Amino acid sequence: MYMTVILIFISILAVMGTLKNRRTGNKPGFLIGGLFTVATIGITLLAVYDEIVGIQ
């Protein structure tokens, strides 16, 4: 449960960082941060699914 909450927090921070890179015009940071954000959100969704439904 605690790890899922931490992952949700990290995902929010990753999205905020990616949007900041986009606003400031940092294209390499936006691309690398975007890839990190997509991966982090995928892992977070898998963790949330595991908490709710359970992976067997």
PDB file of N, CA and C in Angstrom:
ATOM      1  N   MET A   1       0.823  -1.196   0.000  1.00  0.00           N
ATOM      2  CA  MET A   1       0.000   0.000   0.000  1.00  0.00           C
ATOM      3  C   MET A   1       0.864   1.256   0.000  1.00  0.00           C
ATOM      4  N   TYR A   2       1.890   1.279   0.848  1.00  0.00           N
ATOM      5  CA  TYR A   2       2.726   2.477   0.943  1.00  0.00           C
ATOM      6  C   TYR A   2       3.493   2.725  -0.351  1.00  0.00           C
ATOM      7  N   MET A   3       3.953   1.656  -0.983  1.00  0.00           N
ATOM      8  CA  MET A   3       4.698   1.817  -2.232  1.00  0.00           C
ATOM      9  C   MET A   3       3.801   2.389  -3.328  1.00  0.00           C
ATOM     10  N   THR A   4       2.541   2.012  -3.345  1.00  0.00           N
ATOM     11  CA  THR A   4       1.613   2.542  -4.336  1.00  0.00           C
ATOM     12  C   THR A   4       1.419   4.045  -4.147  1.00  0.00           C
ATOM     13  N   VAL A   5       1.307   4.468  -2.914  1.00  0.00           N
ATOM     14  CA  VAL A   5       1.155   5.902  -2.625  1.00  0.00           C
ATOM     15  C   VAL A   5       2.402   6.664  -3.064  1.00  0.00           C
ATOM     16  N   ILE A   6       3.571   6.096  -2.796  1.00  0.00           N
ATOM     17  CA  ILE A   6       4.824   6.725  -3.219  1.00  0.00           C
ATOM     18  C   ILE A   6       4.902   6.796  -4.740  1.00  0.00           C
ATOM     19  N   LEU A   7       4.494   5.719  -5.435  1.00  0.00           N
ATOM     20  CA  LEU A   7       4.499   5.724  -6.894  1.00  0.00           C
ATOM     21  C   LEU A   7       3.553   6.783  -7.463  1.00  0.00           C
ATOM     22  N   ILE A   8       2.397   6.960  -6.851  1.00  0.00           N
ATOM     23  CA  ILE A   8       1.456   7.984  -7.313  1.00  0.00           C
ATOM     24  C   ILE A   8       2.088   9.364  -7.149  1.00  0.00           C
ATOM     25  N   PHE A   9       2.744   9.603  -6.014  1.00  0.00           N
ATOM     26  CA  PHE A   9       3.413  10.879  -5.767  1.00  0.00           C
ATOM     27  C   PHE A   9       4.523  11.122  -6.792  1.00  0.00           C
ATOM     28  N   ILE A  10       5.322  10.091  -7.069  1.00  0.00           N
ATOM     29  CA  ILE A  10       6.403  10.223  -8.044  1.00  0.00           C
ATOM     30  C   ILE A  10       5.838  10.478  -9.438  1.00  0.00           C
ATOM     31  N   SER A  11       4.728   9.835  -9.786  1.00  0.00           N
ATOM     32  CA  SER A  11       4.111  10.053 -11.098  1.00  0.00           C
ATOM     33  C   SER A  11       3.640  11.492 -11.256  1.00  0.00           C
ATOM     34  N   ILE A  12       3.057  12.045 -10.210  1.00  0.00           N
ATOM     35  CA  ILE A  12       2.605  13.437 -10.256  1.00  0.00           C
ATOM     36  C   ILE A  12       3.794  14.368 -10.459  1.00  0.00           C
ATOM     37  N   LEU A  13       4.885  14.119  -9.727  1.00  0.00           N
ATOM     38  CA  LEU A  13       6.079  14.953  -9.877  1.00  0.00           C
ATOM     39  C   LEU A  13       6.689  14.817 -11.265  1.00  0.00           C
ATOM     40  N   ALA A  14       6.657  13.605 -11.831  1.00  0.00           N
ATOM     41  CA  ALA A  14       7.205  13.389 -13.171  1.00  0.00           C
ATOM     42  C   ALA A  14       6.404  14.158 -14.218  1.00  0.00           C
ATOM     43  N   VAL A  15       5.086  14.153 -14.090  1.00  0.00           N
ATOM     44  CA  VAL A  15       4.241  14.897 -15.031  1.00  0.00           C
ATOM     45  C   VAL A  15       4.507  16.392 -14.897  1.00  0.00           C
ATOM     46  N   MET A  16       4.629  16.875 -13.664  1.00  0.00           N
ATOM     47  CA  MET A  16       4.905  18.291 -13.458  1.00  0.00           C
ATOM     48  C   MET A  16       6.249  18.682 -14.078  1.00  0.00           C
ATOM     49  N   GLY A  17       7.265  17.848 -13.911  1.00  0.00           N
ATOM     50  CA  GLY A  17       8.574  18.130 -14.486  1.00  0.00           C
ATOM     51  C   GLY A  17       8.554  18.122 -15.998  1.00  0.00           C
ATOM     52  N   THR A  18       7.830  17.181 -16.577  1.00  0.00           N
ATOM     53  CA  THR A  18       7.728  17.116 -18.031  1.00  0.00           C
ATOM     54  C   THR A  18       7.021  18.348 -18.587  1.00  0.00           C
ATOM     55  N   LEU A  19       5.963  18.768 -17.928  1.00  0.00           N
ATOM     56  CA  LEU A  19       5.250  19.968 -18.379  1.00  0.00           C
ATOM     57  C   LEU A  19       6.110  21.216 -18.223  1.00  0.00           C
ATOM     58  N   LYS A  20       6.919  21.276 -17.164  1.00  0.00           N
ATOM     59  CA  LYS A  20       7.822  22.419 -16.988  1.00  0.00           C
ATOM     60  C   LYS A  20       8.866  22.452 -18.103  1.00  0.00           C
ATOM     61  N   ASN A  21       9.411  21.276 -18.466  1.00  0.00           N
ATOM     62  CA  ASN A  21      10.369  21.224 -19.570  1.00  0.00           C
ATOM     63  C   ASN A  21       9.735  21.698 -20.871  1.00  0.00           C
ATOM     64  N   ARG A  22       8.489  21.354 -21.074  1.00  0.00           N
ATOM     65  CA  ARG A  22       7.793  21.771 -22.298  1.00  0.00           C
ATOM     66  C   ARG A  22       7.590  23.276 -22.315  1.00  0.00           C
ATOM     67  N   ARG A  23       7.176  23.843 -21.165  1.00  0.00           N
ATOM     68  CA  ARG A  23       6.938  25.288 -21.087  1.00  0.00           C
ATOM     69  C   ARG A  23       8.216  26.093 -21.297  1.00  0.00           C
ATOM     70  N   THR A  24       9.337  25.599 -20.761  1.00  0.00           N
ATOM     71  CA  THR A  24      10.591  26.346 -20.856  1.00  0.00           C
ATOM     72  C   THR A  24      11.310  26.110 -22.175  1.00  0.00           C
ATOM     73  N   GLY A  25      10.827  25.202 -23.000  1.00  0.00           N
ATOM     74  CA  GLY A  25      11.433  24.958 -24.295  1.00  0.00           C
ATOM     75  C   GLY A  25      12.626  24.025 -24.253  1.00  0.00           C
ATOM     76  N   ASN A  26      12.755  23.234 -23.212  1.00  0.00           N
ATOM     77  CA  ASN A  26      13.852  22.278 -23.078  1.00  0.00           C
ATOM     78  C   ASN A  26      13.447  20.985 -23.786  1.00  0.00           C
ATOM     79  N   LYS A  27      13.722  20.920 -25.100  1.00  0.00           N
ATOM     80  CA  LYS A  27      13.259  19.778 -25.894  1.00  0.00           C
ATOM     81  C   LYS A  27      13.898  18.453 -25.474  1.00  0.00           C
ATOM     82  N   PRO A  28      15.237  18.364 -25.272  1.00  0.00           N
ATOM     83  CA  PRO A  28      15.802  17.074 -24.825  1.00  0.00           C
ATOM     84  C   PRO A  28      15.257  16.642 -23.463  1.00  0.00           C
ATOM     85  N   GLY A  29      15.115  17.599 -22.556  1.00  0.00           N
ATOM     86  CA  GLY A  29      14.543  17.278 -21.245  1.00  0.00           C
ATOM     87  C   GLY A  29      13.102  16.837 -21.344  1.00  0.00           C
ATOM     88  N   PHE A  30      12.376  17.448 -22.268  1.00  0.00           N
ATOM     89  CA  PHE A  30      10.980  17.075 -22.469  1.00  0.00           C
ATOM     90  C   PHE A  30      10.877  15.648 -22.999  1.00  0.00           C
ATOM     91  N   LEU A  31      11.740  15.292 -23.958  1.00  0.00           N
ATOM     92  CA  LEU A  31      11.678  13.941 -24.534  1.00  0.00           C
ATOM     93  C   LEU A  31      12.100  12.882 -23.520  1.00  0.00           C
ATOM     94  N   ILE A  32      13.221  13.104 -22.852  1.00  0.00           N
ATOM     95  CA  ILE A  32      13.691  12.124 -21.858  1.00  0.00           C
ATOM     96  C   ILE A  32      12.715  12.055 -20.684  1.00  0.00           C
ATOM     97  N   GLY A  33      12.265  13.215 -20.212  1.00  0.00           N
ATOM     98  CA  GLY A  33      11.294  13.246 -19.119  1.00  0.00           C
ATOM     99  C   GLY A  33       9.968  12.623 -19.510  1.00  0.00           C
ATOM    100  N   GLY A  34       9.576  12.815 -20.766  1.00  0.00           N
ATOM    101  CA  GLY A  34       8.329  12.211 -21.244  1.00  0.00           C
ATOM    102  C   GLY A  34       8.393  10.699 -21.243  1.00  0.00           C
ATOM    103  N   LEU A  35       9.538  10.163 -21.680  1.00  0.00           N
ATOM    104  CA  LEU A  35       9.702   8.703 -21.654  1.00  0.00           C
ATOM    105  C   LEU A  35       9.673   8.174 -20.220  1.00  0.00           C
ATOM    106  N   PHE A  36      10.363   8.864 -19.322  1.00  0.00           N
ATOM    107  CA  PHE A  36      10.355   8.479 -17.910  1.00  0.00           C
ATOM    108  C   PHE A  36       8.940   8.555 -17.335  1.00  0.00           C
ATOM    109  N   THR A  37       8.216   9.613 -17.703  1.00  0.00           N
ATOM    110  CA  THR A  37       6.855   9.792 -17.191  1.00  0.00           C
ATOM    111  C   THR A  37       5.929   8.680 -17.671  1.00  0.00           C
ATOM    112  N   VAL A  38       6.033   8.322 -18.943  1.00  0.00           N
ATOM    113  CA  VAL A  38       5.187   7.248 -19.486  1.00  0.00           C
ATOM    114  C   VAL A  38       5.483   5.931 -18.778  1.00  0.00           C
ATOM    115  N   ALA A  39       6.758   5.631 -18.570  1.00  0.00           N
ATOM    116  CA  ALA A  39       7.128   4.394 -17.880  1.00  0.00           C
ATOM    117  C   ALA A  39       6.645   4.406 -16.430  1.00  0.00           C
ATOM    118  N   THR A  40       6.811   5.541 -15.764  1.00  0.00           N
ATOM    119  CA  THR A  40       6.398   5.642 -14.360  1.00  0.00           C
ATOM    120  C   THR A  40       4.887   5.510 -14.219  1.00  0.00           C
ATOM    121  N   ILE A  41       4.139   6.126 -15.112  1.00  0.00           N
ATOM    122  CA  ILE A  41       2.678   6.030 -15.047  1.00  0.00           C
ATOM    123  C   ILE A  41       2.232   4.595 -15.322  1.00  0.00           C
ATOM    124  N   GLY A  42       2.893   3.916 -16.261  1.00  0.00           N
ATOM    125  CA  GLY A  42       2.555   2.512 -16.527  1.00  0.00           C
ATOM    126  C   GLY A  42       2.774   1.632 -15.305  1.00  0.00           C
ATOM    127  N   ILE A  43       3.899   1.807 -14.643  1.00  0.00           N
ATOM    128  CA  ILE A  43       4.185   1.017 -13.444  1.00  0.00           C
ATOM    129  C   ILE A  43       3.197   1.363 -12.335  1.00  0.00           C
ATOM    130  N   THR A  44       2.856   2.643 -12.218  1.00  0.00           N
ATOM    131  CA  THR A  44       1.900   3.058 -11.189  1.00  0.00           C
ATOM    132  C   THR A  44       0.525   2.453 -11.446  1.00  0.00           C
ATOM    133  N   LEU A  45       0.089   2.459 -12.698  1.00  0.00           N
ATOM    134  CA  LEU A  45      -1.209   1.855 -13.008  1.00  0.00           C
ATOM    135  C   LEU A  45      -1.222   0.358 -12.721  1.00  0.00           C
ATOM    136  N   LEU A  46      -0.115  -0.313 -13.006  1.00  0.00           N
ATOM    137  CA  LEU A  46      -0.007  -1.729 -12.691  1.00  0.00           C
ATOM    138  C   LEU A  46      -0.066  -1.959 -11.178  1.00  0.00           C
ATOM    139  N   ALA A  47       0.580  -1.098 -10.407  1.00  0.00           N
ATOM    140  CA  ALA A  47       0.555  -1.225  -8.949  1.00  0.00           C
ATOM    141  C   ALA A  47      -0.844  -0.968  -8.394  1.00  0.00           C
ATOM    142  N   VAL A  48      -1.536   0.019  -8.950  1.00  0.00           N
ATOM    143  CA  VAL A  48      -2.902   0.311  -8.493  1.00  0.00           C
ATOM    144  C   VAL A  48      -3.821  -0.858  -8.837  1.00  0.00           C
ATOM    145  N   TYR A  49      -3.667  -1.417 -10.026  1.00  0.00           N
ATOM    146  CA  TYR A  49      -4.460  -2.577 -10.415  1.00  0.00           C
ATOM    147  C   TYR A  49      -4.195  -3.755  -9.473  1.00  0.00           C
ATOM    148  N   ASP A  50      -2.934  -3.940  -9.108  1.00  0.00           N
ATOM    149  CA  ASP A  50      -2.579  -5.019  -8.201  1.00  0.00           C
ATOM    150  C   ASP A  50      -3.199  -4.810  -6.823  1.00  0.00           C
ATOM    151  N   GLU A  51      -3.259  -3.559  -6.366  1.00  0.00           N
ATOM    152  CA  GLU A  51      -3.866  -3.277  -5.060  1.00  0.00           C
ATOM    153  C   GLU A  51      -5.371  -3.529  -5.089  1.00  0.00           C
ATOM    154  N   ILE A  52      -6.025  -3.156  -6.189  1.00  0.00           N
ATOM    155  CA  ILE A  52      -7.489  -3.256  -6.247  1.00  0.00           C
ATOM    156  C   ILE A  52      -7.944  -4.669  -6.597  1.00  0.00           C
ATOM    157  N   VAL A  53      -7.418  -5.228  -7.693  1.00  0.00           N
ATOM    158  CA  VAL A  53      -7.877  -6.521  -8.185  1.00  0.00           C
ATOM    159  C   VAL A  53      -6.982  -7.649  -7.689  1.00  0.00           C
ATOM    160  N   GLY A  54      -5.697  -7.435  -7.799  1.00  0.00           N
ATOM    161  CA  GLY A  54      -4.755  -8.480  -7.417  1.00  0.00           C
ATOM    162  C   GLY A  54      -4.296  -9.266  -8.624  1.00  0.00           C
ATOM    163  N   ILE A  55      -2.985  -9.399  -8.752  1.00  0.00           N
ATOM    164  CA  ILE A  55      -2.405 -10.171  -9.852  1.00  0.00           C
ATOM    165  C   ILE A  55      -2.045 -11.553  -9.321  1.00  0.00           C
ATOM    166  N   GLN A  56      -2.521 -12.577 -10.025  1.00  0.00           N
ATOM    167  CA  GLN A  56      -2.285 -13.934  -9.508  1.00  0.00           C
ATOM    168  C   GLN A  56      -1.427 -14.724 -10.458  1.00  0.00           C
TER     169      GLN A  56
END
